[in-house]
Protein backbone atom coordinates (compact mmCIF):
# COMPACT_ATOMS: atom_id res chain seq x y z
CA MET A 1 -4.58 13.20 -1.15
CA PRO A 2 -3.37 12.48 -4.72
CA ILE A 3 -1.54 9.10 -3.54
CA VAL A 4 -4.77 8.25 -1.39
CA GLU A 5 -7.14 8.68 -4.50
CA MET A 6 -4.90 6.29 -6.78
CA LEU A 7 -5.08 3.55 -4.06
CA ARG A 8 -8.77 3.85 -4.22
CA GLU A 9 -8.67 3.52 -7.84
CA PHE A 10 -6.64 0.34 -7.58
CA ALA A 11 -8.25 -0.62 -4.55
CA ASN A 12 -12.00 -0.52 -6.19
CA LYS A 13 -10.37 -2.92 -9.42
CA LYS A 14 -9.14 -5.28 -6.65
CA ASN A 15 -12.33 -5.62 -4.42
CA SER A 16 -10.11 -4.18 -1.56
CA THR A 17 -9.26 -1.12 0.60
CA PRO A 18 -6.72 1.48 0.12
CA ALA A 19 -4.62 0.42 3.40
CA GLN A 20 -4.79 -3.14 1.79
CA ILE A 21 -3.28 -2.35 -1.45
CA SER A 22 -0.88 -0.43 0.48
CA LEU A 23 0.60 -3.19 2.04
CA ALA A 24 0.37 -5.93 -0.66
CA TRP A 25 2.47 -3.43 -2.62
CA MET A 26 5.14 -3.14 0.58
CA LEU A 27 4.75 -7.27 0.43
CA HIS A 28 5.35 -7.60 -3.48
CA LYS A 29 8.27 -5.03 -3.41
CA TYR A 30 10.01 -6.41 -0.25
CA PRO A 31 9.42 -9.53 -0.05
CA ASN A 32 11.77 -9.96 2.99
CA VAL A 33 10.31 -7.20 4.77
CA VAL A 34 7.48 -7.81 7.52
CA PRO A 35 5.49 -4.66 7.47
CA ILE A 36 3.92 -3.63 11.35
CA PRO A 37 0.75 -1.01 10.44
CA GLY A 38 -0.45 -0.10 13.43
CA SER A 39 -3.82 -0.27 14.51
CA LYS A 40 -6.24 0.43 17.02
CA ASN A 41 -9.32 -1.23 16.42
CA LYS A 42 -10.79 -4.76 15.71
CA GLU A 43 -11.95 -3.89 12.24
CA ARG A 44 -8.85 -2.31 11.14
CA ILE A 45 -6.42 -4.98 12.51
CA ILE A 46 -8.74 -7.91 10.44
CA GLU A 47 -8.30 -5.11 6.97
CA ASN A 48 -4.60 -4.96 7.81
CA LEU A 49 -4.47 -9.34 7.88
CA THR A 50 -6.37 -9.62 5.02
CA ALA A 51 -4.35 -7.68 2.61
CA SER A 52 -2.24 -10.35 2.84
CA GLN A 53 -4.69 -12.26 0.32
CA VAL A 54 -4.18 -9.51 -1.72
CA GLU A 55 -2.21 -10.24 -4.84
CA LEU A 56 -0.29 -8.19 -7.13
CA THR A 57 0.91 -9.22 -10.53
CA ASP A 58 3.49 -8.08 -11.93
CA ASP A 59 1.60 -5.92 -14.24
CA GLU A 60 -0.71 -4.26 -11.70
CA PHE A 61 2.33 -3.81 -9.76
CA THR A 62 4.52 -2.31 -12.06
CA ALA A 63 1.46 0.15 -13.23
CA LEU A 64 1.09 1.14 -9.61
CA GLU A 65 4.77 1.81 -9.29
CA THR A 66 4.73 3.92 -12.08
CA GLU A 67 1.26 6.23 -10.69
CA LEU A 68 3.26 6.58 -7.31
CA ASN A 69 6.58 7.93 -9.10
CA LYS A 70 4.38 10.23 -10.91
CA CYS A 71 3.24 11.95 -6.98
CA ARG A 72 5.24 14.35 -6.20
CA VAL A 73 5.71 13.86 -2.02
CA TYR A 74 7.16 16.87 -0.21
CA GLY A 75 8.59 16.78 3.31
CA HIS A 76 10.84 14.52 5.37
CA ARG A 77 10.40 10.36 4.26
CA GLY A 78 12.32 7.95 6.46
CA LEU A 79 14.19 8.42 9.33
CA GLY A 80 17.35 9.48 8.58
CA GLY A 81 17.70 12.85 10.14
CA PHE A 82 17.01 11.26 13.76
């Protein structure tokens, strides 16, 4: 939940949603990667598509990275164990 709360704070500043901030972060960090978010309804699909319009400045990206690095994550992250 700390990551979700932190994303909400960033989203409020950018007039967007936490999901859009997450996708904008990924697009900024990995410009050669195309995220494929899962969605089961029209509203979420539209929300995800409009994330491409949320642009993070370098300062915003750095601030987001700094906050993310402060969050402790437990459990497996990635597909390396499969």
